[in-house]
Amino acid sequence: MESIRQLYRVGNGPSSSHTMGPGIAASRFLDKNKNAHRFRVFLYGSLAATGKGHLTDYVIDEVFRRHLLEIIWQPEVFLPFHPNAMKFEAFDSSGNLLCDETVYSVGGGAIVVEGEKSEPVQIYSLNKMDDILKWCRDNRKEMWQLVEESEGSDIWNFLAEIWEVMDASIKRGLARDGNLPGQLNLKRKAQQVKAKTANFRGPFKKRSQLFAYALAVSEENASGGEIVTAPTCGASGVVPAVLKYYRKVYKFKVTDIYKALATAGLVGNLIKQNASISGAEVGCQGEVGTACAMASAAAAQIMGGSVEQIEYAAEMGMEHHLGLTCDPIAGLVQIPCIERNAFAAERALSHNTYALMSDGVHSVSFDEVVETMYRTGKDLSSHYKETSLGGLARVKKIL
């Protein structure tokens, strides 16, 4: 299993698979063909279907801005390996093809180049939650300690930087108002929700703060701001909101936040390894569902739960998002994406409470629910996997 450094990536929204991935792929291809006269890019499947709403063409244009470029959209063409596919071509001044390359944006900003055998660096020898739980029991250690032993002590410096970016995205989101970019003309709500918390007391006040934090990050992502994939751009508001909530409301130390991030990263990595975090491959259950599982585990970790209770919280985070479709209206990472982040954050708190009330014993294991999510995602029609051809995107058409 790869390092959690490959899961938590700092970048600009609105989409890790449609913006970050294509940008990385385009830069890589240009570096290999700097002397080419012109370029052509084919966007396939989900990349083509919702690319304009996700700014795919914009980020590719930015990379090739000093070169002749043609972008060809083919939303009806799905390549076998992954729905997020693109093909780059470079030509000389006589029109001769110099180089071509097919690339897949597989989620979380990661790319796979067809024909290249690049084995990911495996940091973790354990790839299943059941094995991790056994390791924790046998060694009388916590999940975050497995992260430290596998990644090295420098992982804490990395997680400190990740938290700094997450926290900054919350602060920026709370400070901004107005409308988000795109044809929906959706108003930012985070600042307004945060202001209303002054009118509330008790649990309602605390919960409205949580909503404000999640909305703040998700709105920053939707406007192309800097966020952390956790595990993706579209689901980037859940984990920061939950951790900010515990830091602000319960005054936890920042070192506790880092440990919670480590545990959350381990959970996200397991899903990425054994299933998928790509909305184009498995629907929103792979994005917001994974984010909720990560945040649920982080919450149980920070509240002193046992490893069994942490596993239970993470399992619930995924189980109760099974079948969640990815059907963004107008192809924008706004409706229903932004509100989903807020409610997934709230669910994470409930999963934590429920898990801590139990002894950690339950019927469906985390590994089993991850396998179920992946199979469910494969069974979903492509209309519900980031193509904006079904669900809300079909009912609520924006001209």
Protein backbone atom coordinates (compact mmCIF):
# COMPACT_ATOMS: atom_id res chain seq x y z
CA MET A 1 0.00 0.00 0.00
CA GLU A 2 1.29 3.45 -0.94
CA SER A 3 2.20 6.31 1.38
CA ILE A 4 -0.60 8.53 2.66
CA ARG A 5 1.39 11.33 1.02
CA GLN A 6 -0.19 10.08 -2.21
CA LEU A 7 -3.67 10.41 -0.68
CA TYR A 8 -3.36 13.86 0.88
CA ARG A 9 -2.40 16.13 -2.01
CA VAL A 10 -2.36 19.91 -1.96
CA GLY A 11 -3.86 21.44 -5.09
CA ASN A 12 -6.55 23.60 -6.58
CA GLY A 13 -10.17 22.56 -7.13
CA PRO A 14 -12.68 21.83 -8.29
CA SER A 15 -11.79 18.21 -9.13
CA SER A 16 -8.83 15.98 -8.38
CA SER A 17 -9.65 13.64 -11.28
CA HIS A 18 -10.89 16.24 -13.78
CA THR A 19 -8.59 19.16 -12.93
CA MET A 20 -5.51 18.05 -11.00
CA GLY A 21 -4.97 14.78 -12.88
CA PRO A 22 -5.30 16.23 -16.41
CA GLY A 23 -3.10 19.17 -15.44
CA ILE A 24 -0.36 16.82 -14.25
CA ALA A 25 -0.71 14.64 -17.36
CA ALA A 26 -0.60 17.65 -19.71
CA SER A 27 2.51 19.09 -18.04
CA ARG A 28 4.22 15.72 -18.22
CA PHE A 29 3.46 15.32 -21.95
CA LEU A 30 4.57 18.86 -22.76
CA ASP A 31 7.88 18.32 -20.97
CA LYS A 32 8.50 15.31 -23.19
CA ASN A 33 7.60 17.19 -26.40
CA LYS A 34 8.80 20.77 -25.92
CA ASN A 35 9.83 21.14 -29.57
CA ALA A 36 6.49 20.07 -31.04
CA HIS A 37 4.67 22.56 -33.26
CA ARG A 38 1.12 21.75 -32.18
CA PHE A 39 -0.83 19.44 -29.87
CA ARG A 40 -4.13 17.63 -29.86
CA VAL A 41 -5.94 16.23 -26.83
CA PHE A 42 -8.83 13.76 -26.87
CA LEU A 43 -11.00 13.66 -23.75
CA TYR A 44 -13.05 10.49 -23.28
CA GLY A 45 -15.89 9.25 -21.10
CA SER A 46 -16.44 11.09 -17.84
CA LEU A 47 -13.63 13.56 -18.54
CA ALA A 48 -15.48 14.70 -21.65
CA ALA A 49 -18.99 14.48 -20.19
CA THR A 50 -18.34 16.82 -17.26
CA GLY A 51 -15.01 18.33 -18.27
CA LYS A 52 -16.30 21.82 -18.97
CA GLY A 53 -18.00 22.07 -15.59
CA HIS A 54 -14.89 20.72 -13.89
CA LEU A 55 -12.56 23.13 -15.81
CA THR A 56 -10.69 20.29 -17.54
CA ASP A 57 -10.26 22.28 -20.73
CA TYR A 58 -9.17 25.34 -18.77
CA VAL A 59 -6.36 23.57 -16.94
CA ILE A 60 -5.12 21.89 -20.15
CA ASP A 61 -5.24 25.23 -22.00
CA GLU A 62 -3.15 26.77 -19.22
CA VAL A 63 -0.45 24.13 -19.66
CA PHE A 64 -0.31 24.50 -23.46
CA ARG A 65 -1.02 28.25 -23.53
CA ARG A 66 2.06 29.06 -25.66
CA HIS A 67 1.33 26.31 -28.19
CA LEU A 68 -1.29 25.48 -30.81
CA LEU A 69 -3.81 23.21 -29.17
CA GLU A 70 -6.98 21.39 -30.24
CA ILE A 71 -9.21 19.66 -27.68
CA ILE A 72 -11.64 17.01 -28.96
CA TRP A 73 -14.51 15.92 -26.71
CA GLN A 74 -15.75 12.31 -26.95
CA PRO A 75 -18.09 11.67 -23.99
CA GLU A 76 -19.58 8.57 -25.64
CA VAL A 77 -16.21 6.78 -25.80
CA PHE A 78 -15.19 4.83 -22.69
CA LEU A 79 -11.78 3.16 -22.70
CA PRO A 80 -11.60 -0.17 -20.85
CA PHE A 81 -9.13 0.70 -18.09
CA HIS A 82 -10.89 3.71 -16.54
CA PRO A 83 -13.72 6.16 -17.44
CA ASN A 84 -11.41 9.18 -17.02
CA ALA A 85 -9.25 8.78 -20.11
CA MET A 86 -7.38 11.22 -22.32
CA LYS A 87 -5.03 10.95 -25.27
CA PHE A 88 -2.29 13.45 -26.04
CA GLU A 89 -0.74 13.88 -29.49
CA ALA A 90 2.22 16.03 -30.56
CA PHE A 91 2.88 17.06 -34.18
CA ASP A 92 5.71 18.76 -36.06
CA SER A 93 5.21 21.75 -38.39
CA SER A 94 4.51 19.38 -41.32
CA GLY A 95 1.70 17.64 -39.48
CA ASN A 96 3.64 14.47 -38.74
CA LEU A 97 2.79 12.71 -35.49
CA LEU A 98 5.79 12.86 -33.16
CA CYS A 99 4.37 11.25 -30.07
CA ASP A 100 1.11 10.07 -28.58
CA GLU A 101 0.19 8.96 -25.08
CA THR A 102 -2.99 7.68 -23.43
CA VAL A 103 -3.39 8.63 -19.80
CA TYR A 104 -5.99 7.81 -17.15
CA SER A 105 -6.91 10.09 -14.26
CA VAL A 106 -7.79 7.49 -11.64
CA GLY A 107 -8.83 9.71 -8.73
CA GLY A 108 -7.26 11.87 -6.07
CA GLY A 109 -4.97 13.55 -8.62
CA ALA A 110 -3.20 10.30 -9.53
CA ILE A 111 -2.58 9.32 -13.15
CA VAL A 112 -1.72 6.07 -14.93
CA VAL A 113 0.06 6.15 -18.30
CA GLU A 114 -0.87 3.36 -20.70
CA GLY A 115 2.07 1.12 -21.53
CA GLU A 116 4.26 2.29 -18.69
CA LYS A 117 5.10 -0.23 -16.01
CA SER A 118 5.65 1.95 -12.99
CA GLU A 119 5.09 0.04 -9.78
CA PRO A 120 3.92 2.29 -6.92
CA VAL A 121 6.26 2.44 -3.96
CA GLN A 122 4.75 0.18 -1.31
CA ILE A 123 5.13 1.70 2.16
CA TYR A 124 2.74 -0.57 4.04
CA SER A 125 3.01 -4.37 4.11
CA LEU A 126 -0.55 -4.63 5.45
CA ASN A 127 -3.35 -4.02 2.93
CA LYS A 128 -6.45 -5.10 4.87
CA MET A 129 -8.12 -3.63 7.94
CA ASP A 130 -8.38 -7.05 9.60
CA ASP A 131 -4.59 -7.44 9.34
CA ILE A 132 -4.07 -3.94 10.73
CA LEU A 133 -6.35 -4.67 13.68
CA LYS A 134 -4.39 -7.85 14.40
CA TRP A 135 -1.11 -5.90 14.24
CA CYS A 136 -2.48 -3.33 16.68
CA ARG A 137 -3.61 -6.02 19.14
CA ASP A 138 -0.43 -8.08 18.88
CA ASN A 139 1.79 -5.04 19.38
CA ARG A 140 -0.55 -3.16 21.72
CA LYS A 141 -0.31 -0.12 19.49
CA GLU A 142 -2.65 2.35 17.77
CA MET A 143 -3.31 2.81 14.06
CA TRP A 144 -1.42 6.09 13.99
CA GLN A 145 1.63 4.26 15.33
CA LEU A 146 1.52 1.91 12.34
CA VAL A 147 1.56 4.99 10.13
CA GLU A 148 4.58 6.37 11.99
CA GLU A 149 6.48 3.07 11.83
CA SER A 150 5.71 2.61 8.12
CA GLU A 151 6.21 6.20 6.94
CA GLY A 152 8.98 7.34 9.30
CA SER A 153 8.96 10.16 11.86
CA ASP A 154 9.02 12.82 9.12
CA ILE A 155 5.37 11.99 8.42
CA TRP A 156 4.44 14.35 11.26
CA ASN A 157 6.02 17.30 9.45
CA PHE A 158 4.05 16.36 6.35
CA LEU A 159 0.77 16.08 8.28
CA ALA A 160 1.47 19.41 9.97
CA GLU A 161 1.68 21.01 6.52
CA ILE A 162 -1.48 19.21 5.41
CA TRP A 163 -3.39 20.48 8.43
CA GLU A 164 -2.10 24.01 7.83
CA VAL A 165 -3.54 23.98 4.29
CA MET A 166 -6.81 22.46 5.50
CA ASP A 167 -7.18 25.05 8.24
CA ALA A 168 -6.34 27.88 5.84
CA SER A 169 -9.01 26.70 3.39
CA ILE A 170 -11.59 26.84 6.19
CA LYS A 171 -10.56 30.37 7.15
CA ARG A 172 -10.64 31.61 3.54
CA GLY A 173 -14.00 29.99 2.91
CA LEU A 174 -15.53 31.58 6.00
CA ALA A 175 -14.24 35.01 4.98
CA ARG A 176 -15.71 35.03 1.47
CA ASP A 177 -19.21 35.68 0.17
CA GLY A 178 -20.82 36.20 -3.21
CA ASN A 179 -21.54 33.64 -5.90
CA LEU A 180 -19.52 30.63 -6.96
CA PRO A 181 -18.30 30.50 -10.58
CA GLY A 182 -20.44 28.69 -13.13
CA GLN A 183 -23.90 28.85 -14.62
CA LEU A 184 -25.71 27.82 -11.42
CA ASN A 185 -24.92 31.19 -9.80
CA LEU A 186 -24.88 29.37 -6.46
CA LYS A 187 -24.36 31.62 -3.45
CA ARG A 188 -21.69 30.88 -0.90
CA LYS A 189 -23.28 29.91 2.43
CA ALA A 190 -20.38 29.22 4.81
CA GLN A 191 -19.98 32.80 6.04
CA GLN A 192 -23.71 33.17 6.60
CA VAL A 193 -23.99 29.87 8.47
CA LYS A 194 -21.02 30.76 10.67
CA ALA A 195 -22.56 34.14 11.49
CA LYS A 196 -25.81 32.48 12.54
CA THR A 197 -24.02 30.30 15.10
CA ALA A 198 -23.96 33.31 17.44
CA ASN A 199 -27.75 32.98 17.75
CA PHE A 200 -27.62 29.38 18.94
CA ARG A 201 -26.59 27.56 22.09
CA GLY A 202 -25.67 24.02 23.06
CA PRO A 203 -25.54 21.17 20.55
CA PHE A 204 -27.24 23.22 17.82
CA LYS A 205 -24.50 25.84 18.00
CA LYS A 206 -21.77 23.20 17.78
CA ARG A 207 -23.40 21.42 14.87
CA SER A 208 -23.90 24.63 12.89
CA GLN A 209 -20.18 25.36 13.30
CA LEU A 210 -19.42 21.97 11.79
CA PHE A 211 -21.65 22.77 8.81
CA ALA A 212 -19.91 26.11 8.33
CA TYR A 213 -16.45 24.49 8.26
CA ALA A 214 -17.47 21.85 5.72
CA LEU A 215 -19.19 24.41 3.49
CA ALA A 216 -16.18 26.72 3.69
CA VAL A 217 -13.76 24.13 2.27
CA SER A 218 -16.21 22.81 -0.32
CA GLU A 219 -16.95 26.32 -1.56
CA GLU A 220 -13.25 27.07 -1.78
CA ASN A 221 -12.83 23.91 -3.84
CA ALA A 222 -15.75 24.83 -6.11
CA SER A 223 -14.14 28.22 -6.79
CA GLY A 224 -10.76 26.71 -7.67
CA GLY A 225 -9.12 27.52 -4.33
CA GLU A 226 -6.30 25.60 -2.69
CA ILE A 227 -7.46 22.55 -0.75
CA VAL A 228 -6.25 19.09 0.28
CA THR A 229 -7.62 15.98 -1.39
CA ALA A 230 -9.15 13.92 1.41
CA PRO A 231 -9.44 11.71 -0.50
CA THR A 232 -10.55 13.88 -3.47
CA CYS A 233 -11.29 17.52 -4.23
CA GLY A 234 -15.04 16.93 -4.38
CA ALA A 235 -15.00 15.40 -0.89
CA SER A 236 -12.34 17.71 0.55
CA GLY A 237 -14.60 19.41 3.11
CA VAL A 238 -15.46 16.44 5.33
CA VAL A 239 -12.22 15.59 7.14
CA PRO A 240 -11.10 19.22 7.75
CA ALA A 241 -14.54 20.14 9.11
CA VAL A 242 -14.58 17.28 11.62
CA LEU A 243 -11.04 17.95 12.81
CA LYS A 244 -11.62 21.71 13.06
CA TYR A 245 -14.77 20.96 15.07
CA TYR A 246 -12.86 18.92 17.66
CA ARG A 247 -10.00 21.43 17.75
CA LYS A 248 -12.35 24.39 18.22
CA VAL A 249 -15.12 22.96 20.38
CA TYR A 250 -13.19 20.50 22.53
CA LYS A 251 -9.78 22.26 22.49
CA PHE A 252 -7.75 19.25 21.38
CA LYS A 253 -4.04 19.75 20.84
CA VAL A 254 -2.77 20.11 17.31
CA THR A 255 -0.70 16.94 17.81
CA ASP A 256 -3.97 15.09 18.38
CA ILE A 257 -5.15 16.43 15.04
CA TYR A 258 -2.03 15.02 13.34
CA LYS A 259 -2.63 11.56 14.83
CA ALA A 260 -6.26 11.68 13.70
CA LEU A 261 -5.10 12.64 10.20
CA ALA A 262 -2.74 9.66 10.22
CA THR A 263 -5.55 7.28 11.15
CA ALA A 264 -7.89 8.84 8.59
CA GLY A 265 -5.19 8.55 5.93
CA LEU A 266 -4.75 4.86 6.70
CA VAL A 267 -8.51 4.30 6.24
CA GLY A 268 -8.56 6.23 2.97
CA ASN A 269 -5.55 4.32 1.73
CA LEU A 270 -7.25 0.98 2.38
CA ILE A 271 -10.25 2.04 0.29
CA LYS A 272 -8.02 3.39 -2.47
CA GLN A 273 -6.02 0.13 -2.48
CA ASN A 274 -8.90 -2.34 -2.34
CA ALA A 275 -11.65 -0.45 -4.18
CA SER A 276 -11.63 3.07 -5.64
CA ILE A 277 -11.92 6.73 -4.65
CA SER A 278 -12.90 7.81 -8.17
CA GLY A 279 -16.43 9.12 -8.67
CA ALA A 280 -16.15 8.27 -12.36
CA GLU A 281 -15.46 4.63 -11.48
CA VAL A 282 -17.71 3.93 -8.48
CA GLY A 283 -19.89 7.00 -7.96
CA CYS A 284 -19.90 9.40 -5.04
CA GLN A 285 -19.79 6.53 -2.55
CA GLY A 286 -16.09 6.34 -3.44
CA GLU A 287 -15.56 10.04 -2.76
CA VAL A 288 -17.89 11.32 -0.04
CA GLY A 289 -18.32 7.79 1.33
CA THR A 290 -14.57 7.42 1.72
CA ALA A 291 -14.27 10.91 3.21
CA CYS A 292 -16.96 10.05 5.76
CA ALA A 293 -15.20 6.79 6.65
CA MET A 294 -11.93 8.70 7.11
CA ALA A 295 -13.57 11.41 9.22
CA SER A 296 -15.48 8.85 11.30
CA ALA A 297 -12.25 7.02 12.08
CA ALA A 298 -10.51 10.31 12.89
CA ALA A 299 -13.30 11.28 15.27
CA ALA A 300 -13.16 7.94 17.08
CA GLN A 301 -9.38 8.21 17.26
CA ILE A 302 -9.40 11.70 18.73
CA MET A 303 -12.09 10.78 21.26
CA GLY A 304 -10.06 7.89 22.59
CA GLY A 305 -11.80 4.98 20.91
CA SER A 306 -10.24 1.52 20.77
CA VAL A 307 -8.95 0.24 17.44
CA GLU A 308 -12.11 -1.89 17.19
CA GLN A 309 -14.30 1.16 17.73
CA ILE A 310 -12.29 3.14 15.19
CA GLU A 311 -12.76 0.35 12.65
CA TYR A 312 -16.50 0.26 13.42
CA ALA A 313 -16.85 4.01 12.93
CA ALA A 314 -15.02 3.82 9.60
CA GLU A 315 -17.17 0.88 8.50
CA MET A 316 -20.35 2.84 9.22
CA GLY A 317 -18.96 5.83 7.34
CA MET A 318 -18.81 3.73 4.20
CA GLU A 319 -21.80 1.44 4.78
CA HIS A 320 -24.28 4.29 5.04
CA HIS A 321 -23.09 5.81 1.78
CA LEU A 322 -23.35 2.61 -0.28
CA GLY A 323 -24.93 3.26 -3.66
CA LEU A 324 -24.43 7.03 -3.52
CA THR A 325 -24.43 8.30 -7.08
CA CYS A 326 -22.30 11.01 -8.65
CA ASP A 327 -24.72 13.20 -10.59
CA PRO A 328 -23.49 16.82 -10.44
CA ILE A 329 -25.90 19.33 -11.95
CA ALA A 330 -24.38 21.01 -15.02
CA GLY A 331 -21.18 19.04 -14.37
CA LEU A 332 -20.19 21.44 -11.60
CA VAL A 333 -18.79 20.32 -8.24
CA GLN A 334 -21.53 22.27 -6.46
CA ILE A 335 -24.96 20.59 -6.34
CA PRO A 336 -25.25 18.16 -4.61
CA CYS A 337 -21.54 17.96 -3.82
CA ILE A 338 -21.19 20.87 -1.38
CA GLU A 339 -24.10 19.93 0.88
CA ARG A 340 -23.02 16.29 0.81
CA ASN A 341 -19.75 17.31 2.44
CA ALA A 342 -21.62 19.04 5.26
CA PHE A 343 -23.91 16.10 5.95
CA ALA A 344 -21.10 13.55 5.69
CA ALA A 345 -19.24 15.53 8.36
CA GLU A 346 -22.31 15.40 10.59
CA ARG A 347 -22.68 11.68 9.99
CA ALA A 348 -19.05 11.17 11.00
CA LEU A 349 -19.79 12.62 14.44
CA SER A 350 -22.78 10.30 14.80
CA HIS A 351 -20.75 7.27 13.73
CA ASN A 352 -18.16 8.15 16.34
CA THR A 353 -20.78 8.44 19.09
CA TYR A 354 -22.46 5.19 18.08
CA ALA A 355 -19.13 3.32 17.89
CA LEU A 356 -17.99 4.62 21.30
CA MET A 357 -21.28 3.47 22.83
CA SER A 358 -20.54 -0.05 21.58
CA ASP A 359 -17.80 -2.55 22.36
CA GLY A 360 -16.66 -2.41 18.76
CA VAL A 361 -18.24 -5.77 17.87
CA HIS A 362 -20.44 -5.68 14.75
CA SER A 363 -21.56 -7.89 11.88
CA VAL A 364 -20.09 -6.34 8.72
CA SER A 365 -16.36 -5.71 8.73
CA PHE A 366 -14.68 -2.69 7.18
CA ASP A 367 -12.99 -4.92 4.59
CA GLU A 368 -16.34 -6.42 3.63
CA VAL A 369 -18.04 -3.06 3.19
CA VAL A 370 -15.15 -1.80 1.03
CA GLU A 371 -15.51 -4.82 -1.24
CA THR A 372 -19.26 -4.22 -1.36
CA MET A 373 -18.77 -0.57 -2.29
CA TYR A 374 -16.50 -1.49 -5.17
CA ARG A 375 -18.90 -4.11 -6.55
CA THR A 376 -21.82 -1.71 -6.15
CA GLY A 377 -19.88 0.95 -8.04
CA LYS A 378 -19.12 -1.42 -10.89
CA ASP A 379 -22.83 -2.30 -11.11
CA LEU A 380 -23.90 1.35 -11.33
CA SER A 381 -24.88 2.70 -14.73
CA SER A 382 -22.36 5.14 -16.21
CA HIS A 383 -25.15 7.73 -16.01
CA TYR A 384 -24.51 7.86 -12.25
CA LYS A 385 -20.73 8.02 -12.35
CA GLU A 386 -19.70 11.64 -12.96
CA THR A 387 -21.19 11.97 -16.44
CA SER A 388 -24.14 14.21 -15.47
CA LEU A 389 -26.44 12.06 -17.60
CA GLY A 390 -28.67 10.77 -14.81
CA GLY A 391 -30.12 11.55 -11.40
CA LEU A 392 -30.25 15.19 -10.33
CA ALA A 393 -28.29 16.28 -13.39
CA ARG A 394 -30.99 14.88 -15.66
CA VAL A 395 -33.97 16.20 -13.67
CA LYS A 396 -32.49 19.64 -13.07
CA LYS A 397 -31.20 20.66 -16.48
CA ILE A 398 -29.51 24.05 -16.75
CA LEU A 399 -29.61 25.65 -20.19
